[in-house]
Amino acid sequence: MHVKKNVCYSLISTLLNINGKTKDGINARLDLIEMNIRDELAPIEMGKRTYLPPTCYTMSKDEKISFYQCLKGVKVPQGHSSNVKSLVSMQDLKLIGFKPHDYHILMQ
């Protein structure tokens, strides 16, 4: 079950572009350049900062809000999983306290 949690956590982190948790970073983008694929995703240097263009699978802010609102409205049978409503923070747009079984339910 922990493998499913790790896969789901990595997938959600990448889709939501969670800072420090996403697998889409500078090194991944540099690997794309080295393999001569997806040139439009190459890092762009602006002064001292490096900008990563958004990918087609990264959610916009409106899409993130819609996703979190959907999770906030999820109803599951009692004892099936945690109360998902209480694990979603709409102010911070974060998932708080998800357990491996909750990620398993989310994947299903």
N, C-alpha and C. Protein backbone atom coordinates (compact mmCIF):
# COMPACT_ATOMS: atom_id res chain seq x y z
N MET A 1 0.83 -1.19 0.00
CA MET A 1 0.00 0.00 0.00
C MET A 1 0.88 1.26 0.00
N HIS A 2 2.07 1.16 0.60
CA HIS A 2 2.93 2.35 0.65
C HIS A 2 3.47 2.71 -0.72
N VAL A 3 3.63 1.71 -1.59
CA VAL A 3 4.06 2.01 -2.96
C VAL A 3 2.98 2.82 -3.66
N LYS A 4 1.71 2.42 -3.49
CA LYS A 4 0.60 3.16 -4.09
C LYS A 4 0.57 4.58 -3.55
N LYS A 5 0.81 4.73 -2.24
CA LYS A 5 0.81 6.06 -1.62
C LYS A 5 1.91 6.92 -2.25
N ASN A 6 3.10 6.34 -2.41
CA ASN A 6 4.22 7.10 -2.97
C ASN A 6 3.95 7.50 -4.41
N VAL A 7 3.38 6.60 -5.20
CA VAL A 7 3.07 6.91 -6.60
C VAL A 7 2.01 8.01 -6.66
N CYS A 8 0.95 7.84 -5.88
CA CYS A 8 -0.14 8.82 -5.89
C CYS A 8 0.36 10.17 -5.38
N TYR A 9 1.17 10.16 -4.32
CA TYR A 9 1.70 11.39 -3.75
C TYR A 9 2.57 12.13 -4.77
N SER A 10 3.42 11.39 -5.48
CA SER A 10 4.27 12.01 -6.51
C SER A 10 3.43 12.57 -7.65
N LEU A 11 2.41 11.83 -8.05
CA LEU A 11 1.55 12.27 -9.14
C LEU A 11 0.78 13.53 -8.75
N ILE A 12 0.16 13.53 -7.58
CA ILE A 12 -0.59 14.69 -7.11
C ILE A 12 0.34 15.89 -6.93
N SER A 13 1.52 15.65 -6.37
CA SER A 13 2.48 16.75 -6.16
C SER A 13 2.90 17.37 -7.48
N THR A 14 3.08 16.54 -8.50
CA THR A 14 3.48 17.05 -9.81
C THR A 14 2.33 17.80 -10.49
N LEU A 15 1.12 17.24 -10.43
CA LEU A 15 -0.03 17.90 -11.05
C LEU A 15 -0.33 19.25 -10.39
N LEU A 16 -0.22 19.28 -9.06
CA LEU A 16 -0.52 20.51 -8.33
C LEU A 16 0.68 21.44 -8.23
N ASN A 17 1.83 20.97 -8.72
CA ASN A 17 3.07 21.75 -8.71
C ASN A 17 3.40 22.23 -7.29
N ILE A 18 3.40 21.28 -6.34
CA ILE A 18 3.70 21.60 -4.94
C ILE A 18 5.19 21.84 -4.81
N ASN A 19 5.55 23.01 -4.34
CA ASN A 19 6.93 23.43 -4.24
C ASN A 19 7.74 22.45 -3.39
N GLY A 20 8.84 21.94 -3.93
CA GLY A 20 9.71 21.03 -3.21
C GLY A 20 9.26 19.58 -3.26
N LYS A 21 8.06 19.30 -3.74
CA LYS A 21 7.54 17.93 -3.77
C LYS A 21 7.37 17.41 -5.20
N THR A 22 7.31 18.28 -6.17
CA THR A 22 7.11 17.87 -7.54
C THR A 22 8.37 17.21 -8.10
N LYS A 23 8.18 16.30 -9.00
CA LYS A 23 9.31 15.62 -9.66
C LYS A 23 9.75 16.38 -10.90
N ASP A 24 9.06 17.47 -11.21
CA ASP A 24 9.39 18.28 -12.38
C ASP A 24 10.23 19.47 -11.92
N GLY A 25 11.53 19.33 -12.01
CA GLY A 25 12.43 20.39 -11.56
C GLY A 25 13.47 20.72 -12.61
N ILE A 26 14.45 21.48 -12.19
CA ILE A 26 15.52 21.92 -13.10
C ILE A 26 16.24 20.72 -13.72
N ASN A 27 16.59 19.74 -12.89
CA ASN A 27 17.33 18.59 -13.41
C ASN A 27 16.51 17.81 -14.43
N ALA A 28 15.21 17.65 -14.19
CA ALA A 28 14.36 16.95 -15.15
C ALA A 28 14.29 17.72 -16.46
N ARG A 29 14.20 19.04 -16.37
CA ARG A 29 14.14 19.86 -17.58
C ARG A 29 15.46 19.82 -18.34
N LEU A 30 16.58 19.81 -17.61
CA LEU A 30 17.89 19.73 -18.27
C LEU A 30 18.06 18.37 -18.95
N ASP A 31 17.49 17.33 -18.36
CA ASP A 31 17.52 16.01 -19.00
C ASP A 31 16.75 16.03 -20.32
N LEU A 32 15.63 16.76 -20.36
CA LEU A 32 14.87 16.87 -21.61
C LEU A 32 15.71 17.53 -22.70
N ILE A 33 16.47 18.56 -22.33
CA ILE A 33 17.33 19.24 -23.31
C ILE A 33 18.39 18.28 -23.81
N GLU A 34 18.97 17.52 -22.88
CA GLU A 34 20.02 16.57 -23.25
C GLU A 34 19.50 15.49 -24.20
N MET A 35 18.25 15.10 -24.04
CA MET A 35 17.65 14.09 -24.90
C MET A 35 17.06 14.69 -26.18
N ASN A 36 17.16 16.01 -26.34
CA ASN A 36 16.63 16.73 -27.51
C ASN A 36 15.13 16.53 -27.70
N ILE A 37 14.38 16.60 -26.60
CA ILE A 37 12.92 16.54 -26.68
C ILE A 37 12.32 17.68 -25.89
N ARG A 38 11.15 18.11 -26.29
CA ARG A 38 10.36 19.14 -25.59
C ARG A 38 11.17 20.42 -25.34
N ASP A 39 11.70 20.98 -26.41
CA ASP A 39 12.50 22.21 -26.29
C ASP A 39 11.72 23.36 -25.67
N GLU A 40 10.37 23.35 -25.81
CA GLU A 40 9.56 24.43 -25.26
C GLU A 40 9.53 24.41 -23.72
N LEU A 41 10.00 23.32 -23.11
CA LEU A 41 10.02 23.22 -21.65
C LEU A 41 11.39 23.52 -21.05
N ALA A 42 12.32 23.97 -21.88
CA ALA A 42 13.67 24.27 -21.40
C ALA A 42 13.63 25.41 -20.37
N PRO A 43 14.47 25.32 -19.33
CA PRO A 43 14.53 26.40 -18.34
C PRO A 43 14.98 27.70 -18.98
N ILE A 44 14.40 28.80 -18.53
CA ILE A 44 14.74 30.13 -19.05
C ILE A 44 15.41 30.91 -17.92
N GLU A 45 16.62 31.39 -18.17
CA GLU A 45 17.33 32.15 -17.15
C GLU A 45 17.03 33.63 -17.32
N MET A 46 16.57 34.25 -16.23
CA MET A 46 16.29 35.69 -16.21
C MET A 46 17.07 36.29 -15.06
N GLY A 47 18.25 36.82 -15.38
CA GLY A 47 19.10 37.37 -14.34
C GLY A 47 19.62 36.26 -13.44
N LYS A 48 19.36 36.39 -12.15
CA LYS A 48 19.81 35.38 -11.19
C LYS A 48 18.81 34.24 -11.01
N ARG A 49 17.63 34.38 -11.58
CA ARG A 49 16.57 33.38 -11.41
C ARG A 49 16.43 32.50 -12.66
N THR A 50 15.95 31.30 -12.43
CA THR A 50 15.65 30.39 -13.53
C THR A 50 14.15 30.13 -13.52
N TYR A 51 13.52 30.33 -14.66
CA TYR A 51 12.07 30.18 -14.81
C TYR A 51 11.79 28.88 -15.56
N LEU A 52 10.87 28.08 -15.01
CA LEU A 52 10.45 26.86 -15.68
C LEU A 52 9.08 27.10 -16.32
N PRO A 53 8.99 27.04 -17.65
CA PRO A 53 7.69 27.23 -18.29
C PRO A 53 6.69 26.18 -17.81
N PRO A 54 5.42 26.53 -17.71
CA PRO A 54 4.43 25.55 -17.24
C PRO A 54 4.25 24.41 -18.25
N THR A 55 4.01 23.24 -17.71
CA THR A 55 3.79 22.07 -18.56
C THR A 55 2.29 21.92 -18.83
N CYS A 56 1.97 21.06 -19.77
CA CYS A 56 0.56 20.86 -20.12
C CYS A 56 -0.21 20.13 -19.02
N TYR A 57 0.48 19.43 -18.14
CA TYR A 57 -0.20 18.67 -17.09
C TYR A 57 -0.25 19.40 -15.74
N THR A 58 0.42 20.52 -15.61
CA THR A 58 0.39 21.28 -14.37
C THR A 58 -0.90 22.09 -14.32
N MET A 59 -1.58 22.03 -13.18
CA MET A 59 -2.86 22.71 -13.03
C MET A 59 -2.68 24.20 -12.80
N SER A 60 -3.58 24.99 -13.40
CA SER A 60 -3.61 26.43 -13.13
C SER A 60 -4.26 26.64 -11.76
N LYS A 61 -4.25 27.86 -11.27
CA LYS A 61 -4.85 28.14 -9.97
C LYS A 61 -6.34 27.82 -9.96
N ASP A 62 -7.05 28.17 -11.02
CA ASP A 62 -8.48 27.87 -11.10
C ASP A 62 -8.73 26.36 -11.10
N GLU A 63 -7.88 25.61 -11.81
CA GLU A 63 -8.02 24.15 -11.84
C GLU A 63 -7.74 23.54 -10.47
N LYS A 64 -6.74 24.10 -9.76
CA LYS A 64 -6.43 23.63 -8.41
C LYS A 64 -7.60 23.87 -7.47
N ILE A 65 -8.19 25.06 -7.55
CA ILE A 65 -9.34 25.38 -6.70
C ILE A 65 -10.49 24.41 -6.98
N SER A 66 -10.72 24.14 -8.26
CA SER A 66 -11.78 23.20 -8.64
C SER A 66 -11.48 21.80 -8.11
N PHE A 67 -10.24 21.37 -8.20
CA PHE A 67 -9.83 20.05 -7.69
C PHE A 67 -10.05 19.95 -6.18
N TYR A 68 -9.61 20.97 -5.45
CA TYR A 68 -9.78 20.96 -4.00
C TYR A 68 -11.25 21.05 -3.60
N GLN A 69 -12.05 21.80 -4.34
CA GLN A 69 -13.48 21.85 -4.05
C GLN A 69 -14.13 20.50 -4.29
N CYS A 70 -13.68 19.80 -5.32
CA CYS A 70 -14.19 18.45 -5.59
C CYS A 70 -13.84 17.52 -4.43
N LEU A 71 -12.59 17.58 -3.95
CA LEU A 71 -12.19 16.75 -2.82
C LEU A 71 -12.96 17.13 -1.55
N LYS A 72 -13.22 18.41 -1.40
CA LYS A 72 -13.96 18.89 -0.22
C LYS A 72 -15.38 18.33 -0.21
N GLY A 73 -15.92 18.03 -1.38
CA GLY A 73 -17.28 17.52 -1.47
C GLY A 73 -17.40 16.01 -1.51
N VAL A 74 -16.25 15.31 -1.41
CA VAL A 74 -16.27 13.84 -1.47
C VAL A 74 -16.92 13.27 -0.22
N LYS A 75 -17.83 12.32 -0.44
CA LYS A 75 -18.46 11.61 0.68
C LYS A 75 -18.15 10.13 0.51
N VAL A 76 -17.64 9.53 1.58
CA VAL A 76 -17.33 8.10 1.56
C VAL A 76 -18.07 7.43 2.72
N PRO A 77 -18.32 6.13 2.62
CA PRO A 77 -18.99 5.43 3.72
C PRO A 77 -18.17 5.54 5.01
N GLN A 78 -18.85 5.58 6.13
CA GLN A 78 -18.18 5.70 7.42
C GLN A 78 -17.22 4.52 7.61
N GLY A 79 -15.99 4.84 8.00
CA GLY A 79 -14.98 3.83 8.23
C GLY A 79 -14.21 3.42 6.98
N HIS A 80 -14.62 3.91 5.81
CA HIS A 80 -13.96 3.55 4.55
C HIS A 80 -12.61 4.25 4.41
N SER A 81 -12.55 5.50 4.81
CA SER A 81 -11.31 6.28 4.80
C SER A 81 -11.49 7.46 5.74
N SER A 82 -10.48 8.29 5.82
CA SER A 82 -10.57 9.49 6.65
C SER A 82 -11.63 10.43 6.10
N ASN A 83 -12.07 11.35 6.92
CA ASN A 83 -13.00 12.38 6.48
C ASN A 83 -12.21 13.35 5.60
N VAL A 84 -12.34 13.17 4.29
CA VAL A 84 -11.54 13.93 3.33
C VAL A 84 -11.78 15.43 3.46
N LYS A 85 -13.01 15.82 3.82
CA LYS A 85 -13.33 17.25 3.98
C LYS A 85 -12.38 17.93 4.96
N SER A 86 -12.03 17.22 6.03
CA SER A 86 -11.19 17.82 7.06
C SER A 86 -9.70 17.82 6.67
N LEU A 87 -9.34 17.13 5.61
CA LEU A 87 -7.94 17.05 5.18
C LEU A 87 -7.59 18.03 4.07
N VAL A 88 -8.58 18.80 3.62
CA VAL A 88 -8.38 19.75 2.52
C VAL A 88 -8.40 21.16 3.08
N SER A 89 -7.34 21.92 2.82
CA SER A 89 -7.27 23.31 3.24
C SER A 89 -7.51 24.20 2.01
N MET A 90 -8.68 24.85 1.98
CA MET A 90 -9.00 25.71 0.84
C MET A 90 -8.24 27.03 0.89
N GLN A 91 -7.86 27.49 2.09
CA GLN A 91 -7.13 28.76 2.21
C GLN A 91 -5.72 28.62 1.64
N ASP A 92 -5.05 27.50 1.99
CA ASP A 92 -3.67 27.30 1.56
C ASP A 92 -3.57 26.46 0.28
N LEU A 93 -4.71 25.90 -0.17
CA LEU A 93 -4.73 24.97 -1.29
C LEU A 93 -3.74 23.84 -1.05
N LYS A 94 -3.95 23.11 0.07
CA LYS A 94 -3.08 22.01 0.44
C LYS A 94 -3.89 20.83 0.92
N LEU A 95 -3.27 19.65 0.83
CA LEU A 95 -3.81 18.44 1.42
C LEU A 95 -3.04 18.22 2.72
N ILE A 96 -3.75 18.10 3.82
CA ILE A 96 -3.10 18.01 5.12
C ILE A 96 -3.45 16.68 5.79
N GLY A 97 -2.44 15.90 6.13
CA GLY A 97 -2.64 14.70 6.91
C GLY A 97 -3.19 13.50 6.16
N PHE A 98 -2.99 13.43 4.86
CA PHE A 98 -3.43 12.25 4.11
C PHE A 98 -2.60 11.05 4.55
N LYS A 99 -3.25 9.92 4.76
CA LYS A 99 -2.59 8.68 5.13
C LYS A 99 -2.51 7.79 3.89
N PRO A 100 -1.68 6.73 3.93
CA PRO A 100 -1.55 5.86 2.75
C PRO A 100 -2.89 5.33 2.25
N HIS A 101 -3.79 4.98 3.13
CA HIS A 101 -5.09 4.46 2.69
C HIS A 101 -5.90 5.56 1.98
N ASP A 102 -5.76 6.80 2.43
CA ASP A 102 -6.46 7.91 1.79
C ASP A 102 -5.97 8.11 0.36
N TYR A 103 -4.65 7.97 0.14
CA TYR A 103 -4.12 8.07 -1.21
C TYR A 103 -4.61 6.90 -2.07
N HIS A 104 -4.73 5.73 -1.46
CA HIS A 104 -5.26 4.57 -2.17
C HIS A 104 -6.69 4.84 -2.62
N ILE A 105 -7.51 5.40 -1.75
CA ILE A 105 -8.90 5.73 -2.08
C ILE A 105 -8.93 6.80 -3.16
N LEU A 106 -8.04 7.79 -3.07
CA LEU A 106 -7.97 8.86 -4.07
C LEU A 106 -7.62 8.30 -5.44
N MET A 107 -6.72 7.33 -5.49
CA MET A 107 -6.33 6.73 -6.77
C MET A 107 -7.50 5.97 -7.39
N GLN A 108 -8.33 5.36 -6.54
CA GLN A 108 -9.46 4.61 -7.07
C GLN A 108 -10.50 5.56 -7.59
